[in-house]
Amino acid sequence: MTTDNFPEHEKLQKISHLSQTVGEFIDWLSQRGYSICKRMTCGAGFDIYGDEIKKWFPVCRSINVWLEEYFEIDGVVLEQEKRQILAQIREMNE
């Protein structure tokens, strides 16, 4: 069975070696207590220089969500394709 009819799986297959490495790095960070954070304006406060107060907030996402976003993989479509592939396999086995 090829991935020709399954574009998200085809994309995933092409970047699998890269996504594996990036995923392992994100996991490595997490195991050492590091978090991926985003700097955001905190309320309507200003510091003594008149600059908006910004703080760092952890961004809580699973590794899969980070990878899907970075590699532009649509997780919903990927799941739909998986179900289609499984249905095709079941049909072939009947």
PDB file of N, CA and C in Angstrom:
ATOM      1  N   MET A   1       0.849  -1.175   0.000  1.00  0.00           N
ATOM      2  CA  MET A   1       0.000   0.000   0.000  1.00  0.00           C
ATOM      3  C   MET A   1       0.894   1.237   0.000  1.00  0.00           C
ATOM      4  N   THR A   2       0.594   2.179  -0.874  1.00  0.00           N
ATOM      5  CA  THR A   2       1.376   3.412  -0.951  1.00  0.00           C
ATOM      6  C   THR A   2       0.649   4.535  -0.220  1.00  0.00           C
ATOM      7  N   THR A   3       1.366   5.628  -0.040  1.00  0.00           N
ATOM      8  CA  THR A   3       0.767   6.780   0.627  1.00  0.00           C
ATOM      9  C   THR A   3       0.280   7.811  -0.388  1.00  0.00           C
ATOM     10  N   ASP A   4       0.211   7.424  -1.661  1.00  0.00           N
ATOM     11  CA  ASP A   4      -0.172   8.371  -2.717  1.00  0.00           C
ATOM     12  C   ASP A   4      -1.534   9.022  -2.469  1.00  0.00           C
ATOM     13  N   ASN A   5      -2.476   8.272  -1.943  1.00  0.00           N
ATOM     14  CA  ASN A   5      -3.817   8.798  -1.693  1.00  0.00           C
ATOM     15  C   ASN A   5      -3.959   9.431  -0.312  1.00  0.00           C
ATOM     16  N   PHE A   6      -2.853   9.510   0.395  1.00  0.00           N
ATOM     17  CA  PHE A   6      -2.869  10.008   1.768  1.00  0.00           C
ATOM     18  C   PHE A   6      -1.799  11.080   1.937  1.00  0.00           C
ATOM     19  N   PRO A   7      -2.114  12.326   1.542  1.00  0.00           N
ATOM     20  CA  PRO A   7      -1.093  13.379   1.513  1.00  0.00           C
ATOM     21  C   PRO A   7      -0.444  13.699   2.857  1.00  0.00           C
ATOM     22  N   GLU A   8      -1.193  13.636   3.947  1.00  0.00           N
ATOM     23  CA  GLU A   8      -0.582  13.937   5.250  1.00  0.00           C
ATOM     24  C   GLU A   8       0.401  12.842   5.644  1.00  0.00           C
ATOM     25  N   HIS A   9       0.057  11.598   5.346  1.00  0.00           N
ATOM     26  CA  HIS A   9       0.985  10.498   5.627  1.00  0.00           C
ATOM     27  C   HIS A   9       2.227  10.597   4.742  1.00  0.00           C
ATOM     28  N   GLU A  10       2.035  11.037   3.523  1.00  0.00           N
ATOM     29  CA  GLU A  10       3.164  11.215   2.620  1.00  0.00           C
ATOM     30  C   GLU A  10       4.113  12.288   3.167  1.00  0.00           C
ATOM     31  N   LYS A  11       3.540  13.418   3.634  1.00  0.00           N
ATOM     32  CA  LYS A  11       4.363  14.468   4.243  1.00  0.00           C
ATOM     33  C   LYS A  11       5.100  13.921   5.463  1.00  0.00           C
ATOM     34  N   LEU A  12       4.368  13.184   6.288  1.00  0.00           N
ATOM     35  CA  LEU A  12       4.942  12.628   7.510  1.00  0.00           C
ATOM     36  C   LEU A  12       6.091  11.674   7.183  1.00  0.00           C
ATOM     37  N   GLN A  13       5.910  10.866   6.157  1.00  0.00           N
ATOM     38  CA  GLN A  13       6.943   9.908   5.760  1.00  0.00           C
ATOM     39  C   GLN A  13       8.216  10.634   5.303  1.00  0.00           C
ATOM     40  N   LYS A  14       8.051  11.739   4.589  1.00  0.00           N
ATOM     41  CA  LYS A  14       9.205  12.478   4.076  1.00  0.00           C
ATOM     42  C   LYS A  14      10.024  13.142   5.180  1.00  0.00           C
ATOM     43  N   ILE A  15       9.391  13.497   6.274  1.00  0.00           N
ATOM     44  CA  ILE A  15      10.099  14.213   7.343  1.00  0.00           C
ATOM     45  C   ILE A  15      10.300  13.361   8.591  1.00  0.00           C
ATOM     46  N   SER A  16      10.009  12.075   8.519  1.00  0.00           N
ATOM     47  CA  SER A  16      10.028  11.229   9.726  1.00  0.00           C
ATOM     48  C   SER A  16      11.375  11.253  10.440  1.00  0.00           C
ATOM     49  N   HIS A  17      12.485  11.239   9.688  1.00  0.00           N
ATOM     50  CA  HIS A  17      13.801  11.260  10.339  1.00  0.00           C
ATOM     51  C   HIS A  17      14.024  12.587  11.076  1.00  0.00           C
ATOM     52  N   LEU A  18      13.506  13.667  10.520  1.00  0.00           N
ATOM     53  CA  LEU A  18      13.643  14.970  11.176  1.00  0.00           C
ATOM     54  C   LEU A  18      12.716  15.079  12.379  1.00  0.00           C
ATOM     55  N   SER A  19      11.476  14.637  12.205  1.00  0.00           N
ATOM     56  CA  SER A  19      10.519  14.758  13.305  1.00  0.00           C
ATOM     57  C   SER A  19      10.935  13.891  14.495  1.00  0.00           C
ATOM     58  N   GLN A  20      11.558  12.758  14.222  1.00  0.00           N
ATOM     59  CA  GLN A  20      12.052  11.897  15.300  1.00  0.00           C
ATOM     60  C   GLN A  20      13.101  12.636  16.122  1.00  0.00           C
ATOM     61  N   THR A  21      14.024  13.298  15.443  1.00  0.00           N
ATOM     62  CA  THR A  21      15.091  14.027  16.126  1.00  0.00           C
ATOM     63  C   THR A  21      14.533  15.207  16.920  1.00  0.00           C
ATOM     64  N   VAL A  22      13.652  15.980  16.317  1.00  0.00           N
ATOM     65  CA  VAL A  22      13.065  17.133  17.006  1.00  0.00           C
ATOM     66  C   VAL A  22      12.254  16.654  18.218  1.00  0.00           C
ATOM     67  N   GLY A  23      11.472  15.595  18.033  1.00  0.00           N
ATOM     68  CA  GLY A  23      10.681  15.050  19.139  1.00  0.00           C
ATOM     69  C   GLY A  23      11.546  14.585  20.292  1.00  0.00           C
ATOM     70  N   GLU A  24      12.657  13.921  19.968  1.00  0.00           N
ATOM     71  CA  GLU A  24      13.570  13.471  21.024  1.00  0.00           C
ATOM     72  C   GLU A  24      14.191  14.657  21.753  1.00  0.00           C
ATOM     73  N   PHE A  25      14.479  15.744  21.026  1.00  0.00           N
ATOM     74  CA  PHE A  25      15.038  16.934  21.662  1.00  0.00           C
ATOM     75  C   PHE A  25      14.024  17.568  22.617  1.00  0.00           C
ATOM     76  N   ILE A  26      12.764  17.683  22.174  1.00  0.00           N
ATOM     77  CA  ILE A  26      11.734  18.247  23.053  1.00  0.00           C
ATOM     78  C   ILE A  26      11.583  17.387  24.307  1.00  0.00           C
ATOM     79  N   ASP A  27      11.605  16.080  24.133  1.00  0.00           N
ATOM     80  CA  ASP A  27      11.518  15.161  25.269  1.00  0.00           C
ATOM     81  C   ASP A  27      12.729  15.331  26.192  1.00  0.00           C
ATOM     82  N   TRP A  28      13.901  15.477  25.614  1.00  0.00           N
ATOM     83  CA  TRP A  28      15.130  15.692  26.372  1.00  0.00           C
ATOM     84  C   TRP A  28      15.018  16.948  27.226  1.00  0.00           C
ATOM     85  N   LEU A  29      14.510  18.032  26.635  1.00  0.00           N
ATOM     86  CA  LEU A  29      14.309  19.275  27.388  1.00  0.00           C
ATOM     87  C   LEU A  29      13.395  19.035  28.583  1.00  0.00           C
ATOM     88  N   SER A  30      12.279  18.377  28.330  1.00  0.00           N
ATOM     89  CA  SER A  30      11.286  18.133  29.368  1.00  0.00           C
ATOM     90  C   SER A  30      11.861  17.295  30.512  1.00  0.00           C
ATOM     91  N   GLN A  31      12.635  16.273  30.175  1.00  0.00           N
ATOM     92  CA  GLN A  31      13.226  15.408  31.198  1.00  0.00           C
ATOM     93  C   GLN A  31      14.186  16.168  32.115  1.00  0.00           C
ATOM     94  N   ARG A  32      14.734  17.240  31.620  1.00  0.00           N
ATOM     95  CA  ARG A  32      15.666  18.041  32.415  1.00  0.00           C
ATOM     96  C   ARG A  32      14.996  19.248  33.083  1.00  0.00           C
ATOM     97  N   GLY A  33      13.667  19.301  32.992  1.00  0.00           N
ATOM     98  CA  GLY A  33      12.920  20.341  33.675  1.00  0.00           C
ATOM     99  C   GLY A  33      12.757  21.636  32.903  1.00  0.00           C
ATOM    100  N   TYR A  34      13.145  21.631  31.634  1.00  0.00           N
ATOM    101  CA  TYR A  34      12.979  22.829  30.817  1.00  0.00           C
ATOM    102  C   TYR A  34      11.586  22.845  30.204  1.00  0.00           C
ATOM    103  N   SER A  35      11.087  24.051  29.973  1.00  0.00           N
ATOM    104  CA  SER A  35       9.783  24.225  29.334  1.00  0.00           C
ATOM    105  C   SER A  35       9.930  25.174  28.159  1.00  0.00           C
ATOM    106  N   ILE A  36       9.135  24.954  27.140  1.00  0.00           N
ATOM    107  CA  ILE A  36       9.056  25.912  26.051  1.00  0.00           C
ATOM    108  C   ILE A  36       8.076  26.983  26.510  1.00  0.00           C
ATOM    109  N   CYS A  37       8.512  28.233  26.454  1.00  0.00           N
ATOM    110  CA  CYS A  37       7.708  29.335  26.969  1.00  0.00           C
ATOM    111  C   CYS A  37       7.453  30.387  25.898  1.00  0.00           C
ATOM    112  N   LYS A  38       6.462  31.213  26.179  1.00  0.00           N
ATOM    113  CA  LYS A  38       6.118  32.329  25.308  1.00  0.00           C
ATOM    114  C   LYS A  38       6.083  33.587  26.160  1.00  0.00           C
ATOM    115  N   ARG A  39       6.650  34.642  25.622  1.00  0.00           N
ATOM    116  CA  ARG A  39       6.658  35.915  26.349  1.00  0.00           C
ATOM    117  C   ARG A  39       5.394  36.682  26.000  1.00  0.00           C
ATOM    118  N   MET A  40       4.639  37.043  27.031  1.00  0.00           N
ATOM    119  CA  MET A  40       3.359  37.704  26.804  1.00  0.00           C
ATOM    120  C   MET A  40       3.219  38.905  27.728  1.00  0.00           C
ATOM    121  N   THR A  41       2.446  39.878  27.249  1.00  0.00           N
ATOM    122  CA  THR A  41       2.145  41.048  28.068  1.00  0.00           C
ATOM    123  C   THR A  41       1.300  40.597  29.250  1.00  0.00           C
ATOM    124  N   CYS A  42       1.649  41.091  30.409  1.00  0.00           N
ATOM    125  CA  CYS A  42       0.966  40.691  31.635  1.00  0.00           C
ATOM    126  C   CYS A  42       0.068  41.834  32.097  1.00  0.00           C
ATOM    127  N   GLY A  43      -1.221  41.700  31.880  1.00  0.00           N
ATOM    128  CA  GLY A  43      -2.148  42.738  32.293  1.00  0.00           C
ATOM    129  C   GLY A  43      -1.902  44.031  31.532  1.00  0.00           C
ATOM    130  N   ALA A  44      -2.222  45.143  32.151  1.00  0.00           N
ATOM    131  CA  ALA A  44      -2.026  46.452  31.516  1.00  0.00           C
ATOM    132  C   ALA A  44      -0.934  47.220  32.243  1.00  0.00           C
ATOM    133  N   GLY A  45      -0.009  46.499  32.896  1.00  0.00           N
ATOM    134  CA  GLY A  45       1.009  47.152  33.696  1.00  0.00           C
ATOM    135  C   GLY A  45       2.176  47.673  32.876  1.00  0.00           C
ATOM    136  N   PHE A  46       2.835  48.672  33.419  1.00  0.00           N
ATOM    137  CA  PHE A  46       4.019  49.252  32.790  1.00  0.00           C
ATOM    138  C   PHE A  46       5.119  49.332  33.832  1.00  0.00           C
ATOM    139  N   ASP A  47       6.366  49.170  33.383  1.00  0.00           N
ATOM    140  CA  ASP A  47       7.477  49.289  34.319  1.00  0.00           C
ATOM    141  C   ASP A  47       7.873  50.762  34.468  1.00  0.00           C
ATOM    142  N   ILE A  48       8.924  51.018  35.211  1.00  0.00           N
ATOM    143  CA  ILE A  48       9.308  52.411  35.487  1.00  0.00           C
ATOM    144  C   ILE A  48       9.772  53.160  34.235  1.00  0.00           C
ATOM    145  N   TYR A  49      10.066  52.437  33.176  1.00  0.00           N
ATOM    146  CA  TYR A  49      10.503  53.067  31.927  1.00  0.00           C
ATOM    147  C   TYR A  49       9.341  53.284  30.958  1.00  0.00           C
ATOM    148  N   GLY A  50       8.136  52.891  31.374  1.00  0.00           N
ATOM    149  CA  GLY A  50       6.979  53.053  30.506  1.00  0.00           C
ATOM    150  C   GLY A  50       6.783  51.904  29.537  1.00  0.00           C
ATOM    151  N   ASP A  51       7.595  50.847  29.679  1.00  0.00           N
ATOM    152  CA  ASP A  51       7.441  49.674  28.814  1.00  0.00           C
ATOM    153  C   ASP A  51       6.416  48.723  29.412  1.00  0.00           C
ATOM    154  N   GLU A  52       5.663  48.056  28.533  1.00  0.00           N
ATOM    155  CA  GLU A  52       4.710  47.068  29.029  1.00  0.00           C
ATOM    156  C   GLU A  52       5.455  45.952  29.748  1.00  0.00           C
ATOM    157  N   ILE A  53       4.865  45.480  30.816  1.00  0.00           N
ATOM    158  CA  ILE A  53       5.466  44.373  31.558  1.00  0.00           C
ATOM    159  C   ILE A  53       5.165  43.076  30.810  1.00  0.00           C
ATOM    160  N   LYS A  54       6.225  42.335  30.515  1.00  0.00           N
ATOM    161  CA  LYS A  54       6.064  41.056  29.832  1.00  0.00           C
ATOM    162  C   LYS A  54       6.672  39.961  30.695  1.00  0.00           C
ATOM    163  N   LYS A  55       6.000  38.843  30.722  1.00  0.00           N
ATOM    164  CA  LYS A  55       6.478  37.701  31.495  1.00  0.00           C
ATOM    165  C   LYS A  55       6.472  36.470  30.603  1.00  0.00           C
ATOM    166  N   TRP A  56       7.244  35.488  31.035  1.00  0.00           N
ATOM    167  CA  TRP A  56       7.323  34.223  30.302  1.00  0.00           C
ATOM    168  C   TRP A  56       6.311  33.237  30.886  1.00  0.00           C
ATOM    169  N   PHE A  57       5.542  32.601  30.006  1.00  0.00           N
ATOM    170  CA  PHE A  57       4.558  31.602  30.413  1.00  0.00           C
ATOM    171  C   PHE A  57       4.807  30.310  29.646  1.00  0.00           C
ATOM    172  N   PRO A  58       4.801  29.165  30.350  1.00  0.00           N
ATOM    173  CA  PRO A  58       4.984  27.890  29.657  1.00  0.00           C
ATOM    174  C   PRO A  58       3.860  27.648  28.659  1.00  0.00           C
ATOM    175  N   VAL A  59       4.223  27.080  27.521  1.00  0.00           N
ATOM    176  CA  VAL A  59       3.237  26.682  26.517  1.00  0.00           C
ATOM    177  C   VAL A  59       3.098  25.166  26.644  1.00  0.00           C
ATOM    178  N   CYS A  60       1.950  24.726  27.101  1.00  0.00           N
ATOM    179  CA  CYS A  60       1.733  23.299  27.354  1.00  0.00           C
ATOM    180  C   CYS A  60       1.117  22.639  26.125  1.00  0.00           C
ATOM    181  N   ARG A  61       1.932  21.918  25.406  1.00  0.00           N
ATOM    182  CA  ARG A  61       1.493  21.159  24.229  1.00  0.00           C
ATOM    183  C   ARG A  61       2.206  19.827  24.243  1.00  0.00           C
ATOM    184  N   SER A  62       1.559  18.832  23.674  1.00  0.00           N
ATOM    185  CA  SER A  62       2.222  17.537  23.556  1.00  0.00           C
ATOM    186  C   SER A  62       3.286  17.623  22.465  1.00  0.00           C
ATOM    187  N   ILE A  63       4.223  16.695  22.507  1.00  0.00           N
ATOM    188  CA  ILE A  63       5.270  16.653  21.479  1.00  0.00           C
ATOM    189  C   ILE A  63       4.639  16.532  20.100  1.00  0.00           C
ATOM    190  N   ASN A  64       3.600  15.701  19.967  1.00  0.00           N
ATOM    191  CA  ASN A  64       2.955  15.534  18.664  1.00  0.00           C
ATOM    192  C   ASN A  64       2.386  16.839  18.130  1.00  0.00           C
ATOM    193  N   VAL A  65       1.804  17.644  18.995  1.00  0.00           N
ATOM    194  CA  VAL A  65       1.234  18.922  18.560  1.00  0.00           C
ATOM    195  C   VAL A  65       2.346  19.861  18.091  1.00  0.00           C
ATOM    196  N   TRP A  66       3.458  19.913  18.834  1.00  0.00           N
ATOM    197  CA  TRP A  66       4.589  20.732  18.396  1.00  0.00           C
ATOM    198  C   TRP A  66       5.079  20.287  17.021  1.00  0.00           C
ATOM    199  N   LEU A  67       5.223  18.976  16.854  1.00  0.00           N
ATOM    200  CA  LEU A  67       5.738  18.452  15.580  1.00  0.00           C
ATOM    201  C   LEU A  67       4.774  18.725  14.431  1.00  0.00           C
ATOM    202  N   GLU A  68       3.481  18.528  14.680  1.00  0.00           N
ATOM    203  CA  GLU A  68       2.493  18.804  13.636  1.00  0.00           C
ATOM    204  C   GLU A  68       2.536  20.272  13.219  1.00  0.00           C
ATOM    205  N   GLU A  69       2.648  21.150  14.197  1.00  0.00           N
ATOM    206  CA  GLU A  69       2.686  22.575  13.881  1.00  0.00           C
ATOM    207  C   GLU A  69       3.966  22.932  13.111  1.00  0.00           C
ATOM    208  N   TYR A  70       5.096  22.457  13.601  1.00  0.00           N
ATOM    209  CA  TYR A  70       6.377  22.801  12.986  1.00  0.00           C
ATOM    210  C   TYR A  70       6.481  22.266  11.553  1.00  0.00           C
ATOM    211  N   PHE A  71       6.067  21.022  11.356  1.00  0.00           N
ATOM    212  CA  PHE A  71       6.187  20.392  10.042  1.00  0.00           C
ATOM    213  C   PHE A  71       4.935  20.557   9.180  1.00  0.00           C
ATOM    214  N   GLU A  72       3.987  21.352   9.668  1.00  0.00           N
ATOM    215  CA  GLU A  72       2.748  21.653   8.936  1.00  0.00           C
ATOM    216  C   GLU A  72       1.993  20.384   8.539  1.00  0.00           C
ATOM    217  N   ILE A  73       1.773  19.545   9.538  1.00  0.00           N
ATOM    218  CA  ILE A  73       0.993  18.315   9.387  1.00  0.00           C
ATOM    219  C   ILE A  73      -0.354  18.565  10.054  1.00  0.00           C
ATOM    220  N   ASP A  74      -1.434  18.263   9.367  1.00  0.00           N
ATOM    221  CA  ASP A  74      -2.779  18.429   9.926  1.00  0.00           C
ATOM    222  C   ASP A  74      -3.141  17.152  10.674  1.00  0.00           C
ATOM    223  N   GLY A  75      -3.139  17.237  12.003  1.00  0.00           N
ATOM    224  CA  GLY A  75      -3.394  16.063  12.833  1.00  0.00           C
ATOM    225  C   GLY A  75      -4.767  15.462  12.637  1.00  0.00           C
ATOM    226  N   VAL A  76      -5.769  16.295  12.362  1.00  0.00           N
ATOM    227  CA  VAL A  76      -7.132  15.803  12.141  1.00  0.00           C
ATOM    228  C   VAL A  76      -7.181  15.004  10.837  1.00  0.00           C
ATOM    229  N   VAL A  77      -6.589  15.560   9.788  1.00  0.00           N
ATOM    230  CA  VAL A  77      -6.563  14.870   8.494  1.00  0.00           C
ATOM    231  C   VAL A  77      -5.737  13.593   8.605  1.00  0.00           C
ATOM    232  N   LEU A  78      -4.630  13.652   9.342  1.00  0.00           N
ATOM    233  CA  LEU A  78      -3.790  12.473   9.538  1.00  0.00           C
ATOM    234  C   LEU A  78      -4.594  11.348  10.184  1.00  0.00           C
ATOM    235  N   GLU A  79      -5.388  11.675  11.186  1.00  0.00           N
ATOM    236  CA  GLU A  79      -6.227  10.673  11.851  1.00  0.00           C
ATOM    237  C   GLU A  79      -7.270  10.109  10.893  1.00  0.00           C
ATOM    238  N   GLN A  80      -7.866  10.964  10.070  1.00  0.00           N
ATOM    239  CA  GLN A  80      -8.843  10.498   9.080  1.00  0.00           C
ATOM    240  C   GLN A  80      -8.185   9.534   8.091  1.00  0.00           C
ATOM    241  N   GLU A  81      -6.974   9.877   7.664  1.00  0.00           N
ATOM    242  CA  GLU A  81      -6.250   8.998   6.743  1.00  0.00           C
ATOM    243  C   GLU A  81      -5.942   7.654   7.399  1.00  0.00           C
ATOM    244  N   LYS A  82      -5.567   7.669   8.662  1.00  0.00           N
ATOM    245  CA  LYS A  82      -5.297   6.417   9.379  1.00  0.00           C
ATOM    246  C   LYS A  82      -6.521   5.517   9.365  1.00  0.00           C
ATOM    247  N   ARG A  83      -7.680   6.119   9.598  1.00  0.00           N
ATOM    248  CA  ARG A  83      -8.920   5.329   9.610  1.00  0.00           C
ATOM    249  C   ARG A  83      -9.217   4.755   8.220  1.00  0.00           C
ATOM    250  N   GLN A  84      -8.929   5.543   7.182  1.00  0.00           N
ATOM    251  CA  GLN A  84      -9.127   5.046   5.816  1.00  0.00           C
ATOM    252  C   GLN A  84      -8.171   3.904   5.506  1.00  0.00           C
ATOM    253  N   ILE A  85      -6.928   4.042   5.925  1.00  0.00           N
ATOM    254  CA  ILE A  85      -5.936   2.981   5.706  1.00  0.00           C
ATOM    255  C   ILE A  85      -6.360   1.707   6.413  1.00  0.00           C
ATOM    256  N   LEU A  86      -6.785   1.821   7.673  1.00  0.00           N
ATOM    257  CA  LEU A  86      -7.243   0.650   8.420  1.00  0.00           C
ATOM    258  C   LEU A  86      -8.454  -0.004   7.761  1.00  0.00           C
ATOM    259  N   ALA A  87      -9.369   0.822   7.253  1.00  0.00           N
ATOM    260  CA  ALA A  87     -10.547   0.284   6.569  1.00  0.00           C
ATOM    261  C   ALA A  87     -10.117  -0.482   5.315  1.00  0.00           C
ATOM    262  N   GLN A  88      -9.160   0.056   4.579  1.00  0.00           N
ATOM    263  CA  GLN A  88      -8.670  -0.637   3.372  1.00  0.00           C
ATOM    264  C   GLN A  88      -8.004  -1.956   3.734  1.00  0.00           C
ATOM    265  N   ILE A  89      -7.248  -1.976   4.804  1.00  0.00           N
ATOM    266  CA  ILE A  89      -6.580  -3.208   5.240  1.00  0.00           C
ATOM    267  C   ILE A  89      -7.625  -4.243   5.638  1.00  0.00           C
ATOM    268  N   ARG A  90      -8.659  -3.800   6.358  1.00  0.00           N
ATOM    269  CA  ARG A  90      -9.724  -4.734   6.756  1.00  0.00           C
ATOM    270  C   ARG A  90     -10.415  -5.325   5.521  1.00  0.00           C
ATOM    271  N   GLU A  91     -10.679  -4.486   4.523  1.00  0.00           N
ATOM    272  CA  GLU A  91     -11.320  -4.955   3.288  1.00  0.00           C
ATOM    273  C   GLU A  91     -10.453  -5.985   2.575  1.00  0.00           C
ATOM    274  N   MET A  92      -9.146  -5.741   2.544  1.00  0.00           N
ATOM    275  CA  MET A  92      -8.243  -6.686   1.865  1.00  0.00           C
ATOM    276  C   MET A  92      -8.181  -8.025   2.593  1.00  0.00           C
ATOM    277  N   ASN A  93      -8.384  -8.010   3.909  1.00  0.00           N
ATOM    278  CA  ASN A  93      -8.293  -9.232   4.701  1.00  0.00           C
ATOM    279  C   ASN A  93      -9.604 -10.029   4.721  1.00  0.00           C
ATOM    280  N   GLU A  94     -10.669  -9.428   4.183  1.00  0.00           N
ATOM    281  CA  GLU A  94     -11.959 -10.148   4.202  1.00  0.00           C
ATOM    282  C   GLU A  94     -12.086 -11.078   3.025  1.00  0.00           C
TER     283      GLU A  94
END
